[in-house]
Amino acid sequence: MAKYRQNLPQLANRTFLSDGGMETTLIFHEGIDLPHFASFPLIATLEGRQQLKEYYVRYLTIARQSGTGFILDTPTWRANPDWGKLLGYGPEALRAVNEDSIALLLELRQEFETPETPCVISGAIGPRGDGYKAGRMEAGEAQAYHAAQVESFARTDADMVAAYTMNTVEEAIGIASAAKAARMPCMVSFTVETDGRLATGTALGEAIERVDDATGGSPAYYMINCAHPTHFMQALKKGEKWLDRVYGVKANASAKSHAELDESTTL
């Protein structure tokens, strides 16, 4: 049974930490080869699972020492049909990866969770295409596309699902709608360009408001990820109502644009 699915503790006005850029860390700091920027194949081997555990433990240790909560996101940002096909994974193999990823995080929660450090298990979902380039799906198509991954998490003890690096309103609506249909709490995290807008030109506040309008406010909360603070701070300083829906950030350390980062071979 999912421990926090009905009552997410990060909504209770307390600090939660999470990891900070899994694929970037594993590739550039650990020297691990991740074809197509996908970490989920590591689940398939004992060596890979150990590499993932060691990655998570660094952050979990900080959370315990600091007395904060922790959100454990699965390594499944690329575990969708398009990227899975490129890596030789069909629907059943992807389902197994999603389920095995939750099992791994449940082991870590059992080891590290304390009353001061509640650990939320979150199924991570990424965009169908490149997180730094605008997708082209309509909301209904996006819902149908991402439903299998959402439902695979819903069948496990995952507490929630988290849509990261969303760069279009339509795909965010689709994932939020799929989560709503599966009765899974959902977080939506947008990424923005250097001007603080989505790759489509949509303002961050407008994107959040449109997702809420289309889904009846079903996302539990929103975040911003894969963007440097200087790219989105101006939007946050406006003090508008939609800011009440933003609960966290996973910022880039680099102030480079997404186009520049795509061409970078070093950090």
Protein backbone atom coordinates (compact mmCIF):
# COMPACT_ATOMS: atom_id res chain seq x y z
CA MET A 1 0.00 0.00 0.00
CA ALA A 2 1.28 3.45 -0.91
CA LYS A 3 2.28 5.25 2.27
CA TYR A 4 1.70 8.88 1.31
CA ARG A 5 -0.54 8.75 -1.77
CA GLN A 6 -3.50 10.18 0.12
CA ASN A 7 -1.51 12.75 2.12
CA LEU A 8 1.69 14.06 0.54
CA PRO A 9 3.85 15.41 3.39
CA GLN A 10 5.65 17.96 1.18
CA LEU A 11 2.39 19.92 1.03
CA ALA A 12 2.50 20.52 4.79
CA ASN A 13 4.76 23.59 4.76
CA ARG A 14 8.05 21.86 5.49
CA THR A 15 11.34 21.54 3.61
CA PHE A 16 12.01 18.59 1.31
CA LEU A 17 15.15 17.84 -0.64
CA SER A 18 15.57 15.71 -3.74
CA ASP A 19 18.36 14.61 -6.03
CA GLY A 20 19.99 17.04 -8.40
CA GLY A 21 20.30 16.00 -12.03
CA MET A 22 20.75 12.25 -12.18
CA GLU A 23 21.80 11.74 -15.78
CA THR A 24 24.14 14.73 -15.80
CA THR A 25 25.84 13.52 -12.63
CA LEU A 26 26.19 9.92 -13.76
CA ILE A 27 27.61 10.89 -17.16
CA PHE A 28 29.87 13.82 -16.32
CA HIS A 29 30.92 13.04 -12.74
CA GLU A 30 30.80 9.25 -12.65
CA GLY A 31 31.79 8.54 -16.26
CA ILE A 32 28.87 6.16 -16.78
CA ASP A 33 27.74 5.64 -20.34
CA LEU A 34 24.03 6.43 -20.69
CA PRO A 35 22.89 6.05 -24.30
CA HIS A 36 20.21 8.57 -25.22
CA PHE A 37 20.67 10.22 -21.81
CA ALA A 38 18.63 7.40 -20.22
CA SER A 39 19.40 6.10 -16.75
CA PHE A 40 16.60 3.55 -16.49
CA PRO A 41 18.58 0.70 -18.19
CA LEU A 42 20.84 0.66 -15.12
CA ILE A 43 17.98 -1.06 -13.25
CA ALA A 44 18.60 -4.21 -15.30
CA THR A 45 21.99 -5.10 -13.78
CA LEU A 46 23.35 -5.50 -10.27
CA GLU A 47 26.16 -3.07 -11.09
CA GLY A 48 23.70 -0.52 -12.42
CA ARG A 49 21.41 -0.82 -9.40
CA GLN A 50 24.39 -0.29 -7.12
CA GLN A 51 25.40 2.82 -9.06
CA LEU A 52 21.90 4.18 -8.67
CA LYS A 53 21.83 3.39 -4.95
CA GLU A 54 25.13 5.16 -4.39
CA TYR A 55 23.77 8.18 -6.25
CA TYR A 56 20.64 8.40 -4.10
CA VAL A 57 22.45 7.72 -0.82
CA ARG A 58 24.52 10.91 -1.14
CA TYR A 59 21.36 13.00 -1.11
CA LEU A 60 19.50 10.90 1.44
CA THR A 61 22.42 11.30 3.84
CA ILE A 62 22.22 15.09 3.53
CA ALA A 63 18.47 15.00 4.17
CA ARG A 64 18.86 12.91 7.33
CA GLN A 65 21.67 15.07 8.63
CA SER A 66 19.58 18.18 7.97
CA GLY A 67 16.32 16.80 9.32
CA THR A 68 14.44 17.45 6.09
CA GLY A 69 12.09 15.28 4.09
CA PHE A 70 13.19 13.71 0.82
CA ILE A 71 11.49 13.01 -2.50
CA LEU A 72 12.84 9.89 -4.19
CA ASP A 73 12.29 10.17 -7.95
CA THR A 74 12.70 7.04 -10.05
CA PRO A 75 15.37 6.92 -12.81
CA THR A 76 12.61 6.68 -15.43
CA TRP A 77 12.61 10.12 -17.05
CA ARG A 78 13.30 8.47 -20.43
CA ALA A 79 11.19 5.31 -19.85
CA ASN A 80 8.52 6.09 -22.43
CA PRO A 81 7.70 4.32 -25.73
CA ASP A 82 9.75 6.50 -28.09
CA TRP A 83 12.96 6.48 -26.07
CA GLY A 84 12.37 2.91 -24.97
CA LYS A 85 12.20 1.76 -28.60
CA LEU A 86 15.57 3.36 -29.33
CA LEU A 87 17.02 1.39 -26.41
CA GLY A 88 15.35 -1.91 -27.28
CA TYR A 89 12.53 -1.77 -24.71
CA GLY A 90 8.98 -2.68 -25.63
CA PRO A 91 5.83 -2.04 -23.57
CA GLU A 92 6.27 -4.98 -21.18
CA ALA A 93 9.95 -4.23 -20.62
CA LEU A 94 9.14 -0.60 -19.85
CA ARG A 95 6.41 -1.64 -17.43
CA ALA A 96 8.90 -3.87 -15.64
CA VAL A 97 11.46 -1.05 -15.48
CA ASN A 98 8.95 1.31 -13.92
CA GLU A 99 7.91 -1.26 -11.34
CA ASP A 100 11.49 -2.30 -10.54
CA SER A 101 12.46 1.34 -10.09
CA ILE A 102 9.78 1.79 -7.44
CA ALA A 103 10.96 -1.38 -5.70
CA LEU A 104 14.50 0.01 -5.56
CA LEU A 105 13.30 3.25 -3.99
CA LEU A 106 11.17 1.39 -1.45
CA GLU A 107 14.34 -0.39 -0.29
CA LEU A 108 16.07 2.96 0.15
CA ARG A 109 13.11 4.40 2.04
CA GLN A 110 13.11 1.48 4.43
CA GLU A 111 16.78 2.13 5.16
CA PHE A 112 16.77 5.93 5.43
CA GLU A 113 13.33 7.14 6.48
CA THR A 114 12.90 8.58 9.97
CA PRO A 115 10.10 10.65 11.53
CA GLU A 116 12.16 13.76 10.73
CA THR A 117 12.94 12.57 7.19
CA PRO A 118 9.81 11.23 5.50
CA CYS A 119 10.67 9.82 2.07
CA VAL A 120 8.11 10.19 -0.71
CA ILE A 121 8.30 7.70 -3.59
CA SER A 122 7.75 9.47 -6.91
CA GLY A 123 7.51 7.98 -10.39
CA ALA A 124 9.41 10.30 -12.73
CA ILE A 125 8.01 10.97 -16.20
CA GLY A 126 9.79 12.96 -18.88
CA PRO A 127 8.66 14.51 -22.15
CA ARG A 128 8.07 12.38 -25.21
CA GLY A 129 10.80 14.18 -27.08
CA ASP A 130 13.76 16.34 -26.13
CA GLY A 131 13.24 18.22 -22.88
CA TYR A 132 14.92 21.28 -24.34
CA LYS A 133 12.86 21.45 -27.55
CA ALA A 134 9.13 22.08 -27.80
CA GLY A 135 6.99 19.01 -28.39
CA ARG A 136 4.05 18.89 -30.79
CA MET A 137 1.40 16.71 -29.12
CA GLU A 138 -2.10 17.82 -28.33
CA ALA A 139 -3.34 17.22 -24.80
CA GLY A 140 -5.46 14.18 -25.65
CA GLU A 141 -2.63 12.53 -27.55
CA ALA A 142 -0.26 13.24 -24.67
CA GLN A 143 -2.66 11.69 -22.17
CA ALA A 144 -2.94 8.52 -24.23
CA TYR A 145 0.83 8.40 -24.80
CA HIS A 146 1.85 8.74 -21.15
CA ALA A 147 -1.03 6.75 -19.64
CA ALA A 148 0.85 3.42 -19.65
CA GLN A 149 3.71 4.80 -17.57
CA VAL A 150 1.36 6.55 -15.16
CA GLU A 151 -0.71 3.39 -14.76
CA SER A 152 2.38 1.26 -14.18
CA PHE A 153 3.30 3.50 -11.26
CA ALA A 154 -0.28 3.49 -9.98
CA ARG A 155 -0.15 -0.31 -9.67
CA THR A 156 2.86 -0.07 -7.34
CA ASP A 157 3.38 1.52 -3.92
CA ALA A 158 4.47 4.81 -5.49
CA ASP A 159 3.08 7.83 -3.67
CA MET A 160 2.85 10.09 -6.72
CA VAL A 161 4.05 10.75 -10.26
CA ALA A 162 6.19 13.70 -11.32
CA ALA A 163 6.32 15.16 -14.83
CA TYR A 164 9.72 16.81 -15.28
CA THR A 165 11.10 19.17 -17.95
CA MET A 166 7.74 19.93 -19.50
CA ASN A 167 8.13 22.46 -22.29
CA THR A 168 4.58 22.61 -23.65
CA VAL A 169 1.28 23.20 -21.92
CA GLU A 170 -0.42 20.44 -23.92
CA GLU A 171 1.92 17.66 -22.80
CA ALA A 172 1.67 18.82 -19.19
CA ILE A 173 -2.14 18.73 -19.44
CA GLY A 174 -1.96 15.25 -20.92
CA ILE A 175 0.17 13.83 -18.12
CA ALA A 176 -1.85 15.56 -15.43
CA SER A 177 -5.03 14.17 -16.98
CA ALA A 178 -3.58 10.65 -17.14
CA ALA A 179 -2.61 10.91 -13.46
CA LYS A 180 -6.07 12.17 -12.55
CA ALA A 181 -7.66 9.23 -14.37
CA ALA A 182 -5.37 6.83 -12.49
CA ARG A 183 -6.07 8.58 -9.16
CA MET A 184 -2.40 9.38 -8.71
CA PRO A 185 -1.17 12.63 -7.17
CA CYS A 186 0.85 14.49 -9.79
CA MET A 187 3.50 17.18 -9.81
CA VAL A 188 4.22 19.11 -13.01
CA SER A 189 7.60 20.78 -13.48
CA PHE A 190 8.17 23.17 -16.37
CA THR A 191 11.50 24.18 -17.84
CA VAL A 192 12.03 27.65 -19.29
CA GLU A 193 14.37 29.37 -21.69
CA THR A 194 16.67 32.28 -20.79
CA ASP A 195 13.72 34.67 -21.11
CA GLY A 196 11.71 32.83 -18.46
CA ARG A 197 9.24 31.42 -21.00
CA LEU A 198 8.59 27.91 -22.25
CA ALA A 199 10.15 26.89 -25.57
CA THR A 200 6.80 27.69 -27.18
CA GLY A 201 6.98 31.28 -25.92
CA THR A 202 4.30 30.72 -23.27
CA ALA A 203 4.84 32.59 -20.01
CA LEU A 204 5.39 30.36 -16.98
CA GLY A 205 2.40 31.73 -15.10
CA GLU A 206 0.15 31.29 -18.10
CA ALA A 207 1.31 27.68 -18.50
CA ILE A 208 0.44 26.84 -14.90
CA GLU A 209 -2.93 28.55 -15.12
CA ARG A 210 -3.82 26.76 -18.35
CA VAL A 211 -2.96 23.35 -16.91
CA ASP A 212 -5.03 24.07 -13.82
CA ASP A 213 -7.95 25.30 -15.95
CA ALA A 214 -7.86 22.23 -18.18
CA THR A 215 -7.58 19.69 -15.36
CA GLY A 216 -9.64 21.26 -12.61
CA GLY A 217 -6.46 22.03 -10.69
CA SER A 218 -5.59 18.34 -10.42
CA PRO A 219 -1.78 18.67 -10.08
CA ALA A 220 -0.80 18.66 -6.41
CA TYR A 221 1.77 21.37 -7.14
CA TYR A 222 4.23 22.68 -9.70
CA MET A 223 8.00 23.06 -9.92
CA ILE A 224 10.64 24.52 -12.23
CA ASN A 225 13.59 22.43 -13.36
CA CYS A 226 16.53 22.41 -15.77
CA ALA A 227 16.86 26.20 -15.89
CA HIS A 228 19.27 28.58 -14.17
CA PRO A 229 17.71 30.81 -11.47
CA THR A 230 18.52 33.93 -13.47
CA HIS A 231 16.25 32.60 -16.21
CA PHE A 232 13.12 32.46 -14.06
CA MET A 233 13.64 34.78 -11.08
CA GLN A 234 11.96 37.73 -12.80
CA ALA A 235 8.80 35.68 -13.22
CA LEU A 236 8.86 34.69 -9.56
CA LYS A 237 9.28 38.28 -8.39
CA LYS A 238 5.97 39.41 -9.84
CA GLY A 239 4.01 38.13 -6.85
CA GLU A 240 1.15 36.83 -8.94
CA LYS A 241 -1.43 34.33 -7.68
CA TRP A 242 -0.08 31.38 -9.67
CA LEU A 243 3.08 31.46 -7.55
CA ASP A 244 1.08 29.84 -4.75
CA ARG A 245 1.10 26.69 -6.88
CA VAL A 246 4.91 26.55 -7.20
CA TYR A 247 6.45 24.48 -4.42
CA GLY A 248 9.99 23.84 -5.57
CA VAL A 249 12.85 24.12 -8.03
CA LYS A 250 15.57 21.88 -9.44
CA ALA A 251 17.75 24.52 -11.01
CA ASN A 252 20.66 24.21 -13.42
CA ALA A 253 24.03 25.34 -12.09
CA SER A 254 24.93 26.60 -15.56
CA ALA A 255 23.49 29.83 -16.92
CA LYS A 256 23.91 28.60 -20.50
CA SER A 257 20.88 28.40 -22.75
CA HIS A 258 19.34 25.03 -23.53
CA ALA A 259 20.76 25.22 -27.04
CA GLU A 260 24.26 25.80 -25.64
CA LEU A 261 23.88 22.96 -23.13
CA ASP A 262 22.79 20.57 -25.87
CA GLU A 263 26.12 21.19 -27.60
CA SER A 264 28.25 20.96 -24.45
CA THR A 265 30.63 18.03 -24.04
CA THR A 266 31.78 19.09 -20.57
CA LEU A 267 30.10 20.68 -17.57
